[in-house]
Amino acid sequence: MKQLAEAILKIQDYLNNQLKQTKKSYNNSYYQRSTQRIQPLSEEGLAARLGVSVEAIREQRNQLHPPLFVAWCKGKDKSGMGWEFHENTGLYHPVS
């Protein structure tokens, strides 16, 4: 019985240490880099990201209402990110 109790304590210690290590891994630099904000893009930058021509970007932006343009971008973006055009900056800003 004593051996069983010792084995259970060892298993509990092991599991507790695993949880602590998992929590620490979220503080590493790789995780912090992967959560950086996506920067606004020029028309050329957005076209490259979406894998379409600059003309396709212009055409869709002019033909579609803004929410539909965002949805169109989401369908083209590998990360599923939507994009909207801001007149004041002349750039396309990410929309989650």
PDB file of N, CA and C in Angstrom:
ATOM      1  N   MET A   1       0.824  -1.187   0.000  1.00  0.00           N
ATOM      2  CA  MET A   1       0.000   0.000   0.000  1.00  0.00           C
ATOM      3  C   MET A   1       0.873   1.257   0.000  1.00  0.00           C
ATOM      4  N   LYS A   2       1.956   1.195   0.759  1.00  0.00           N
ATOM      5  CA  LYS A   2       2.862   2.336   0.839  1.00  0.00           C
ATOM      6  C   LYS A   2       3.470   2.628  -0.531  1.00  0.00           C
ATOM      7  N   GLN A   3       3.830   1.577  -1.261  1.00  0.00           N
ATOM      8  CA  GLN A   3       4.414   1.755  -2.590  1.00  0.00           C
ATOM      9  C   GLN A   3       3.416   2.408  -3.549  1.00  0.00           C
ATOM     10  N   LEU A   4       2.155   2.024  -3.435  1.00  0.00           N
ATOM     11  CA  LEU A   4       1.114   2.606  -4.286  1.00  0.00           C
ATOM     12  C   LEU A   4       0.959   4.095  -3.996  1.00  0.00           C
ATOM     13  N   ALA A   5       0.961   4.468  -2.736  1.00  0.00           N
ATOM     14  CA  ALA A   5       0.846   5.875  -2.359  1.00  0.00           C
ATOM     15  C   ALA A   5       2.039   6.673  -2.877  1.00  0.00           C
ATOM     16  N   GLU A   6       3.239   6.105  -2.779  1.00  0.00           N
ATOM     17  CA  GLU A   6       4.433   6.787  -3.283  1.00  0.00           C
ATOM     18  C   GLU A   6       4.372   6.949  -4.802  1.00  0.00           C
ATOM     19  N   ALA A   7       3.883   5.925  -5.474  1.00  0.00           N
ATOM     20  CA  ALA A   7       3.763   5.997  -6.933  1.00  0.00           C
ATOM     21  C   ALA A   7       2.767   7.081  -7.344  1.00  0.00           C
ATOM     22  N   ILE A   8       1.666   7.170  -6.639  1.00  0.00           N
ATOM     23  CA  ILE A   8       0.659   8.198  -6.933  1.00  0.00           C
ATOM     24  C   ILE A   8       1.249   9.586  -6.720  1.00  0.00           C
ATOM     25  N   LEU A   9       2.007   9.776  -5.654  1.00  0.00           N
ATOM     26  CA  LEU A   9       2.633  11.073  -5.396  1.00  0.00           C
ATOM     27  C   LEU A   9       3.624  11.438  -6.498  1.00  0.00           C
ATOM     28  N   LYS A  10       4.388  10.465  -6.963  1.00  0.00           N
ATOM     29  CA  LYS A  10       5.341  10.720  -8.044  1.00  0.00           C
ATOM     30  C   LYS A  10       4.615  11.124  -9.329  1.00  0.00           C
ATOM     31  N   ILE A  11       3.518  10.443  -9.613  1.00  0.00           N
ATOM     32  CA  ILE A  11       2.732  10.779 -10.811  1.00  0.00           C
ATOM     33  C   ILE A  11       2.168  12.193 -10.691  1.00  0.00           C
ATOM     34  N   GLN A  12       1.658  12.546  -9.512  1.00  0.00           N
ATOM     35  CA  GLN A  12       1.116  13.889  -9.309  1.00  0.00           C
ATOM     36  C   GLN A  12       2.196  14.952  -9.480  1.00  0.00           C
ATOM     37  N   ASP A  13       3.373  14.710  -8.921  1.00  0.00           N
ATOM     38  CA  ASP A  13       4.487  15.655  -9.084  1.00  0.00           C
ATOM     39  C   ASP A  13       4.856  15.818 -10.552  1.00  0.00           C
ATOM     40  N   TYR A  14       4.911  14.711 -11.269  1.00  0.00           N
ATOM     41  CA  TYR A  14       5.249  14.747 -12.689  1.00  0.00           C
ATOM     42  C   TYR A  14       4.221  15.581 -13.458  1.00  0.00           C
ATOM     43  N   LEU A  15       2.943  15.320 -13.204  1.00  0.00           N
ATOM     44  CA  LEU A  15       1.891  16.062 -13.907  1.00  0.00           C
ATOM     45  C   LEU A  15       1.926  17.550 -13.567  1.00  0.00           C
ATOM     46  N   ASN A  16       2.172  17.884 -12.319  1.00  0.00           N
ATOM     47  CA  ASN A  16       2.270  19.292 -11.924  1.00  0.00           C
ATOM     48  C   ASN A  16       3.435  19.979 -12.629  1.00  0.00           C
ATOM     49  N   ASN A  17       4.559  19.303 -12.742  1.00  0.00           N
ATOM     50  CA  ASN A  17       5.714  19.872 -13.443  1.00  0.00           C
ATOM     51  C   ASN A  17       5.420  20.062 -14.926  1.00  0.00           C
ATOM     52  N   GLN A  18       4.687  19.141 -15.524  1.00  0.00           N
ATOM     53  CA  GLN A  18       4.323  19.268 -16.941  1.00  0.00           C
ATOM     54  C   GLN A  18       3.455  20.509 -17.154  1.00  0.00           C
ATOM     55  N   LEU A  19       2.512  20.752 -16.262  1.00  0.00           N
ATOM     56  CA  LEU A  19       1.645  21.925 -16.373  1.00  0.00           C
ATOM     57  C   LEU A  19       2.445  23.212 -16.256  1.00  0.00           C
ATOM     58  N   LYS A  20       3.408  23.239 -15.333  1.00  0.00           N
ATOM     59  CA  LYS A  20       4.240  24.434 -15.172  1.00  0.00           C
ATOM     60  C   LYS A  20       5.055  24.701 -16.426  1.00  0.00           C
ATOM     61  N   GLN A  21       5.606  23.650 -17.027  1.00  0.00           N
ATOM     62  CA  GLN A  21       6.405  23.816 -18.244  1.00  0.00           C
ATOM     63  C   GLN A  21       5.545  24.286 -19.407  1.00  0.00           C
ATOM     64  N   THR A  22       4.313  23.800 -19.497  1.00  0.00           N
ATOM     65  CA  THR A  22       3.405  24.222 -20.566  1.00  0.00           C
ATOM     66  C   THR A  22       3.097  25.706 -20.439  1.00  0.00           C
ATOM     67  N   LYS A  23       2.839  26.167 -19.226  1.00  0.00           N
ATOM     68  CA  LYS A  23       2.553  27.587 -19.016  1.00  0.00           C
ATOM     69  C   LYS A  23       3.756  28.449 -19.375  1.00  0.00           C
ATOM     70  N   LYS A  24       4.952  27.997 -19.047  1.00  0.00           N
ATOM     71  CA  LYS A  24       6.163  28.751 -19.362  1.00  0.00           C
ATOM     72  C   LYS A  24       6.370  28.862 -20.863  1.00  0.00           C
ATOM     73  N   SER A  25       5.990  27.852 -21.615  1.00  0.00           N
ATOM     74  CA  SER A  25       6.246  27.869 -23.057  1.00  0.00           C
ATOM     75  C   SER A  25       5.483  28.987 -23.749  1.00  0.00           C
ATOM     76  N   TYR A  26       4.377  29.449 -23.175  1.00  0.00           N
ATOM     77  CA  TYR A  26       3.637  30.558 -23.767  1.00  0.00           C
ATOM     78  C   TYR A  26       4.362  31.886 -23.614  1.00  0.00           C
ATOM     79  N   ASN A  27       5.342  31.936 -22.745  1.00  0.00           N
ATOM     80  CA  ASN A  27       6.097  33.170 -22.540  1.00  0.00           C
ATOM     81  C   ASN A  27       7.341  33.246 -23.410  1.00  0.00           C
ATOM     82  N   ASN A  28       7.592  32.234 -24.229  1.00  0.00           N
ATOM     83  CA  ASN A  28       8.810  32.269 -25.029  1.00  0.00           C
ATOM     84  C   ASN A  28       8.678  33.237 -26.196  1.00  0.00           C
ATOM     85  N   SER A  29       9.799  33.586 -26.781  1.00  0.00           N
ATOM     86  CA  SER A  29       9.814  34.624 -27.812  1.00  0.00           C
ATOM     87  C   SER A  29       9.102  34.189 -29.082  1.00  0.00           C
ATOM     88  N   TYR A  30       9.090  32.905 -29.416  1.00  0.00           N
ATOM     89  CA  TYR A  30       8.402  32.458 -30.628  1.00  0.00           C
ATOM     90  C   TYR A  30       6.918  32.771 -30.526  1.00  0.00           C
ATOM     91  N   TYR A  31       6.310  32.460 -29.385  1.00  0.00           N
ATOM     92  CA  TYR A  31       4.887  32.714 -29.204  1.00  0.00           C
ATOM     93  C   TYR A  31       4.595  34.202 -29.291  1.00  0.00           C
ATOM     94  N   GLN A  32       5.445  35.025 -28.696  1.00  0.00           N
ATOM     95  CA  GLN A  32       5.229  36.467 -28.723  1.00  0.00           C
ATOM     96  C   GLN A  32       5.347  37.009 -30.136  1.00  0.00           C
ATOM     97  N   ARG A  33       6.282  36.495 -30.933  1.00  0.00           N
ATOM     98  CA  ARG A  33       6.434  36.951 -32.314  1.00  0.00           C
ATOM     99  C   ARG A  33       5.246  36.547 -33.164  1.00  0.00           C
ATOM    100  N   SER A  34       4.681  35.381 -32.910  1.00  0.00           N
ATOM    101  CA  SER A  34       3.599  34.898 -33.752  1.00  0.00           C
ATOM    102  C   SER A  34       2.292  35.631 -33.492  1.00  0.00           C
ATOM    103  N   THR A  35       2.211  36.408 -32.414  1.00  0.00           N
ATOM    104  CA  THR A  35       0.983  37.129 -32.115  1.00  0.00           C
ATOM    105  C   THR A  35       1.092  38.617 -32.427  1.00  0.00           C
ATOM    106  N   GLN A  36       2.100  39.017 -33.184  1.00  0.00           N
ATOM    107  CA  GLN A  36       2.230  40.424 -33.532  1.00  0.00           C
ATOM    108  C   GLN A  36       1.067  40.856 -34.412  1.00  0.00           C
ATOM    109  N   ARG A  37       0.732  42.126 -34.318  1.00  0.00           N
ATOM    110  CA  ARG A  37      -0.344  42.662 -35.139  1.00  0.00           C
ATOM    111  C   ARG A  37       0.068  42.702 -36.600  1.00  0.00           C
ATOM    112  N   ILE A  38      -0.893  42.434 -37.463  1.00  0.00           N
ATOM    113  CA  ILE A  38      -0.644  42.507 -38.899  1.00  0.00           C
ATOM    114  C   ILE A  38      -0.743  43.969 -39.305  1.00  0.00           C
ATOM    115  N   GLN A  39       0.242  44.431 -40.046  1.00  0.00           N
ATOM    116  CA  GLN A  39       0.320  45.830 -40.450  1.00  0.00           C
ATOM    117  C   GLN A  39      -0.543  46.091 -41.680  1.00  0.00           C
ATOM    118  N   PRO A  40      -1.019  47.341 -41.844  1.00  0.00           N
ATOM    119  CA  PRO A  40      -1.745  47.711 -43.063  1.00  0.00           C
ATOM    120  C   PRO A  40      -0.864  47.509 -44.291  1.00  0.00           C
ATOM    121  N   LEU A  41      -1.510  47.251 -45.426  1.00  0.00           N
ATOM    122  CA  LEU A  41      -0.784  46.972 -46.658  1.00  0.00           C
ATOM    123  C   LEU A  41      -1.167  47.940 -47.765  1.00  0.00           C
ATOM    124  N   SER A  42      -0.216  48.169 -48.653  1.00  0.00           N
ATOM    125  CA  SER A  42      -0.503  48.923 -49.875  1.00  0.00           C
ATOM    126  C   SER A  42      -1.320  48.019 -50.795  1.00  0.00           C
ATOM    127  N   GLU A  43      -1.803  48.592 -51.879  1.00  0.00           N
ATOM    128  CA  GLU A  43      -2.562  47.807 -52.845  1.00  0.00           C
ATOM    129  C   GLU A  43      -1.707  46.668 -53.410  1.00  0.00           C
ATOM    130  N   GLU A  44      -0.446  46.980 -53.681  1.00  0.00           N
ATOM    131  CA  GLU A  44       0.470  45.967 -54.206  1.00  0.00           C
ATOM    132  C   GLU A  44       0.731  44.873 -53.166  1.00  0.00           C
ATOM    133  N   GLY A  45       0.896  45.289 -51.914  1.00  0.00           N
ATOM    134  CA  GLY A  45       1.139  44.329 -50.842  1.00  0.00           C
ATOM    135  C   GLY A  45      -0.044  43.405 -50.623  1.00  0.00           C
ATOM    136  N   LEU A  46      -1.250  43.973 -50.683  1.00  0.00           N
ATOM    137  CA  LEU A  46      -2.447  43.152 -50.505  1.00  0.00           C
ATOM    138  C   LEU A  46      -2.608  42.183 -51.669  1.00  0.00           C
ATOM    139  N   ALA A  47      -2.355  42.667 -52.885  1.00  0.00           N
ATOM    140  CA  ALA A  47      -2.460  41.789 -54.056  1.00  0.00           C
ATOM    141  C   ALA A  47      -1.512  40.601 -53.914  1.00  0.00           C
ATOM    142  N   ALA A  48      -0.291  40.863 -53.469  1.00  0.00           N
ATOM    143  CA  ALA A  48       0.683  39.782 -53.283  1.00  0.00           C
ATOM    144  C   ALA A  48       0.220  38.816 -52.198  1.00  0.00           C
ATOM    145  N   ARG A  49      -0.300  39.342 -51.104  1.00  0.00           N
ATOM    146  CA  ARG A  49      -0.762  38.487 -50.008  1.00  0.00           C
ATOM    147  C   ARG A  49      -1.919  37.603 -50.443  1.00  0.00           C
ATOM    148  N   LEU A  50      -2.825  38.165 -51.244  1.00  0.00           N
ATOM    149  CA  LEU A  50      -4.004  37.406 -51.660  1.00  0.00           C
ATOM    150  C   LEU A  50      -3.752  36.551 -52.901  1.00  0.00           C
ATOM    151  N   GLY A  51      -2.620  36.772 -53.553  1.00  0.00           N
ATOM    152  CA  GLY A  51      -2.309  35.994 -54.750  1.00  0.00           C
ATOM    153  C   GLY A  51      -3.130  36.397 -55.958  1.00  0.00           C
ATOM    154  N   VAL A  52      -3.466  37.687 -56.037  1.00  0.00           N
ATOM    155  CA  VAL A  52      -4.237  38.211 -57.169  1.00  0.00           C
ATOM    156  C   VAL A  52      -3.518  39.431 -57.726  1.00  0.00           C
ATOM    157  N   SER A  53      -4.024  39.957 -58.824  1.00  0.00           N
ATOM    158  CA  SER A  53      -3.416  41.143 -59.423  1.00  0.00           C
ATOM    159  C   SER A  53      -3.919  42.407 -58.730  1.00  0.00           C
ATOM    160  N   VAL A  54      -3.177  43.481 -58.904  1.00  0.00           N
ATOM    161  CA  VAL A  54      -3.597  44.782 -58.377  1.00  0.00           C
ATOM    162  C   VAL A  54      -4.928  45.172 -59.013  1.00  0.00           C
ATOM    163  N   GLU A  55      -5.080  44.857 -60.298  1.00  0.00           N
ATOM    164  CA  GLU A  55      -6.327  45.170 -61.001  1.00  0.00           C
ATOM    165  C   GLU A  55      -7.516  44.446 -60.370  1.00  0.00           C
ATOM    166  N   ALA A  56      -7.310  43.203 -59.943  1.00  0.00           N
ATOM    167  CA  ALA A  56      -8.389  42.451 -59.295  1.00  0.00           C
ATOM    168  C   ALA A  56      -8.782  43.107 -57.976  1.00  0.00           C
ATOM    169  N   ILE A  57      -7.804  43.590 -57.235  1.00  0.00           N
ATOM    170  CA  ILE A  57      -8.093  44.289 -55.973  1.00  0.00           C
ATOM    171  C   ILE A  57      -8.949  45.516 -56.259  1.00  0.00           C
ATOM    172  N   ARG A  58      -8.518  46.339 -57.209  1.00  0.00           N
ATOM    173  CA  ARG A  58      -9.257  47.565 -57.549  1.00  0.00           C
ATOM    174  C   ARG A  58     -10.670  47.242 -58.019  1.00  0.00           C
ATOM    175  N   GLU A  59     -10.771  46.255 -58.886  1.00  0.00           N
ATOM    176  CA  GLU A  59     -12.069  45.878 -59.446  1.00  0.00           C
ATOM    177  C   GLU A  59     -13.036  45.439 -58.353  1.00  0.00           C
ATOM    178  N   GLN A  60     -12.579  44.562 -57.478  1.00  0.00           N
ATOM    179  CA  GLN A  60     -13.446  44.066 -56.407  1.00  0.00           C
ATOM    180  C   GLN A  60     -13.809  45.173 -55.420  1.00  0.00           C
ATOM    181  N   ARG A  61     -12.850  46.030 -55.104  1.00  0.00           N
ATOM    182  CA  ARG A  61     -13.130  47.123 -54.158  1.00  0.00           C
ATOM    183  C   ARG A  61     -14.156  48.085 -54.730  1.00  0.00           C
ATOM    184  N   ASN A  62     -14.081  48.336 -56.046  1.00  0.00           N
ATOM    185  CA  ASN A  62     -15.019  49.264 -56.682  1.00  0.00           C
ATOM    186  C   ASN A  62     -16.390  48.642 -56.913  1.00  0.00           C
ATOM    187  N   GLN A  63     -16.456  47.337 -57.120  1.00  0.00           N
ATOM    188  CA  GLN A  63     -17.724  46.679 -57.430  1.00  0.00           C
ATOM    189  C   GLN A  63     -18.500  46.238 -56.193  1.00  0.00           C
ATOM    190  N   LEU A  64     -17.786  45.890 -55.140  1.00  0.00           N
ATOM    191  CA  LEU A  64     -18.436  45.324 -53.954  1.00  0.00           C
ATOM    192  C   LEU A  64     -18.627  46.365 -52.858  1.00  0.00           C
ATOM    193  N   HIS A  65     -19.709  46.202 -52.096  1.00  0.00           N
ATOM    194  CA  HIS A  65     -19.880  47.014 -50.889  1.00  0.00           C
ATOM    195  C   HIS A  65     -18.780  46.616 -49.909  1.00  0.00           C
ATOM    196  N   PRO A  66     -18.362  47.534 -49.028  1.00  0.00           N
ATOM    197  CA  PRO A  66     -17.246  47.229 -48.112  1.00  0.00           C
ATOM    198  C   PRO A  66     -17.343  45.896 -47.368  1.00  0.00           C
ATOM    199  N   PRO A  67     -18.505  45.527 -46.794  1.00  0.00           N
ATOM    200  CA  PRO A  67     -18.540  44.225 -46.096  1.00  0.00           C
ATOM    201  C   PRO A  67     -18.313  43.037 -47.043  1.00  0.00           C
ATOM    202  N   LEU A  68     -18.773  43.173 -48.278  1.00  0.00           N
ATOM    203  CA  LEU A  68     -18.566  42.093 -49.239  1.00  0.00           C
ATOM    204  C   LEU A  68     -17.108  42.035 -49.698  1.00  0.00           C
ATOM    205  N   PHE A  69     -16.465  43.203 -49.780  1.00  0.00           N
ATOM    206  CA  PHE A  69     -15.046  43.219 -50.125  1.00  0.00           C
ATOM    207  C   PHE A  69     -14.232  42.537 -49.023  1.00  0.00           C
ATOM    208  N   VAL A  70     -14.574  42.812 -47.776  1.00  0.00           N
ATOM    209  CA  VAL A  70     -13.895  42.160 -46.644  1.00  0.00           C
ATOM    210  C   VAL A  70     -14.063  40.645 -46.755  1.00  0.00           C
ATOM    211  N   ALA A  71     -15.287  40.200 -47.060  1.00  0.00           N
ATOM    212  CA  ALA A  71     -15.548  38.762 -47.192  1.00  0.00           C
ATOM    213  C   ALA A  71     -14.774  38.166 -48.365  1.00  0.00           C
ATOM    214  N   TRP A  72     -14.695  38.891 -49.467  1.00  0.00           N
ATOM    215  CA  TRP A  72     -13.934  38.421 -50.629  1.00  0.00           C
ATOM    216  C   TRP A  72     -12.469  38.235 -50.250  1.00  0.00           C
ATOM    217  N   CYS A  73     -11.921  39.207 -49.521  1.00  0.00           N
ATOM    218  CA  CYS A  73     -10.526  39.111 -49.073  1.00  0.00           C
ATOM    219  C   CYS A  73     -10.327  37.908 -48.157  1.00  0.00           C
ATOM    220  N   LYS A  74     -11.274  37.690 -47.247  1.00  0.00           N
ATOM    221  CA  LYS A  74     -11.166  36.546 -46.331  1.00  0.00           C
ATOM    222  C   LYS A  74     -11.084  35.239 -47.100  1.00  0.00           C
ATOM    223  N   GLY A  75     -11.828  35.161 -48.187  1.00  0.00           N
ATOM    224  CA  GLY A  75     -11.807  33.954 -48.998  1.00  0.00           C
ATOM    225  C   GLY A  75     -10.491  33.746 -49.726  1.00  0.00           C
ATOM    226  N   LYS A  76      -9.765  34.818 -49.997  1.00  0.00           N
ATOM    227  CA  LYS A  76      -8.495  34.736 -50.721  1.00  0.00           C
ATOM    228  C   LYS A  76      -7.291  34.632 -49.789  1.00  0.00           C
ATOM    229  N   ASP A  77      -7.407  35.185 -48.590  1.00  0.00           N
ATOM    230  CA  ASP A  77      -6.284  35.248 -47.649  1.00  0.00           C
ATOM    231  C   ASP A  77      -6.054  33.874 -47.017  1.00  0.00           C
ATOM    232  N   LYS A  78      -4.809  33.396 -47.040  1.00  0.00           N
ATOM    233  CA  LYS A  78      -4.488  32.076 -46.487  1.00  0.00           C
ATOM    234  C   LYS A  78      -4.777  31.988 -44.994  1.00  0.00           C
ATOM    235  N   SER A  79      -4.709  33.125 -44.298  1.00  0.00           N
ATOM    236  CA  SER A  79      -4.999  33.151 -42.863  1.00  0.00           C
ATOM    237  C   SER A  79      -6.459  33.449 -42.577  1.00  0.00           C
ATOM    238  N   GLY A  80      -7.252  33.674 -43.631  1.00  0.00           N
ATOM    239  CA  GLY A  80      -8.662  33.991 -43.449  1.00  0.00           C
ATOM    240  C   GLY A  80      -8.899  35.396 -42.940  1.00  0.00           C
ATOM    241  N   MET A  81      -7.916  36.280 -43.143  1.00  0.00           N
ATOM    242  CA  MET A  81      -8.013  37.663 -42.678  1.00  0.00           C
ATOM    243  C   MET A  81      -8.800  38.482 -43.697  1.00  0.00           C
ATOM    244  N   GLY A  82      -9.706  39.316 -43.205  1.00  0.00           N
ATOM    245  CA  GLY A  82     -10.406  40.258 -44.063  1.00  0.00           C
ATOM    246  C   GLY A  82      -9.619  41.558 -44.141  1.00  0.00           C
ATOM    247  N   TRP A  83      -9.842  42.316 -45.205  1.00  0.00           N
ATOM    248  CA  TRP A  83      -9.130  43.576 -45.400  1.00  0.00           C
ATOM    249  C   TRP A  83     -10.112  44.636 -45.850  1.00  0.00           C
ATOM    250  N   GLU A  84      -9.932  45.862 -45.313  1.00  0.00           N
ATOM    251  CA  GLU A  84     -10.770  46.980 -45.742  1.00  0.00           C
ATOM    252  C   GLU A  84      -9.891  48.168 -46.088  1.00  0.00           C
ATOM    253  N   PHE A  85     -10.349  48.943 -47.054  1.00  0.00           N
ATOM    254  CA  PHE A  85      -9.592  50.095 -47.531  1.00  0.00           C
ATOM    255  C   PHE A  85      -9.953  51.315 -46.697  1.00  0.00           C
ATOM    256  N   HIS A  86      -8.936  52.051 -46.255  1.00  0.00           N
ATOM    257  CA  HIS A  86      -9.139  53.302 -45.521  1.00  0.00           C
ATOM    258  C   HIS A  86      -8.719  54.459 -46.422  1.00  0.00           C
ATOM    259  N   GLU A  87      -9.670  55.286 -46.772  1.00  0.00           N
ATOM    260  CA  GLU A  87      -9.398  56.425 -47.659  1.00  0.00           C
ATOM    261  C   GLU A  87      -8.336  57.354 -47.074  1.00  0.00           C
ATOM    262  N   ASN A  88      -8.388  57.577 -45.761  1.00  0.00           N
ATOM    263  CA  ASN A  88      -7.478  58.550 -45.137  1.00  0.00           C
ATOM    264  C   ASN A  88      -6.010  58.125 -45.179  1.00  0.00           C
ATOM    265  N   THR A  89      -5.741  56.816 -45.198  1.00  0.00           N
ATOM    266  CA  THR A  89      -4.350  56.352 -45.253  1.00  0.00           C
ATOM    267  C   THR A  89      -3.963  55.831 -46.631  1.00  0.00           C
ATOM    268  N   GLY A  90      -4.969  55.474 -47.431  1.00  0.00           N
ATOM    269  CA  GLY A  90      -4.691  54.873 -48.736  1.00  0.00           C
ATOM    270  C   GLY A  90      -4.187  53.446 -48.619  1.00  0.00           C
ATOM    271  N   LEU A  91      -4.396  52.839 -47.449  1.00  0.00           N
ATOM    272  CA  LEU A  91      -3.907  51.483 -47.192  1.00  0.00           C
ATOM    273  C   LEU A  91      -5.065  50.552 -46.860  1.00  0.00           C
ATOM    274  N   TYR A  92      -4.784  49.266 -46.978  1.00  0.00           N
ATOM    275  CA  TYR A  92      -5.746  48.227 -46.620  1.00  0.00           C
ATOM    276  C   TYR A  92      -5.403  47.738 -45.219  1.00  0.00           C
ATOM    277  N   HIS A  93      -6.395  47.785 -44.343  1.00  0.00           N
ATOM    278  CA  HIS A  93      -6.196  47.427 -42.940  1.00  0.00           C
ATOM    279  C   HIS A  93      -6.853  46.080 -42.651  1.00  0.00           C
ATOM    280  N   PRO A  94      -6.215  45.260 -41.798  1.00  0.00           N
ATOM    281  CA  PRO A  94      -6.780  43.942 -41.477  1.00  0.00           C
ATOM    282  C   PRO A  94      -8.048  44.060 -40.644  1.00  0.00           C
ATOM    283  N   VAL A  95      -8.964  43.157 -40.902  1.00  0.00           N
ATOM    284  CA  VAL A  95     -10.220  43.071 -40.160  1.00  0.00           C
ATOM    285  C   VAL A  95     -10.376  41.623 -39.735  1.00  0.00           C
ATOM    286  N   SER A  96     -10.523  41.395 -38.429  1.00  0.00           N
ATOM    287  CA  SER A  96     -10.653  40.001 -37.981  1.00  0.00           C
ATOM    288  C   SER A  96     -12.097  39.574 -37.950  1.00  0.00           C
TER     289      SER A  96
END
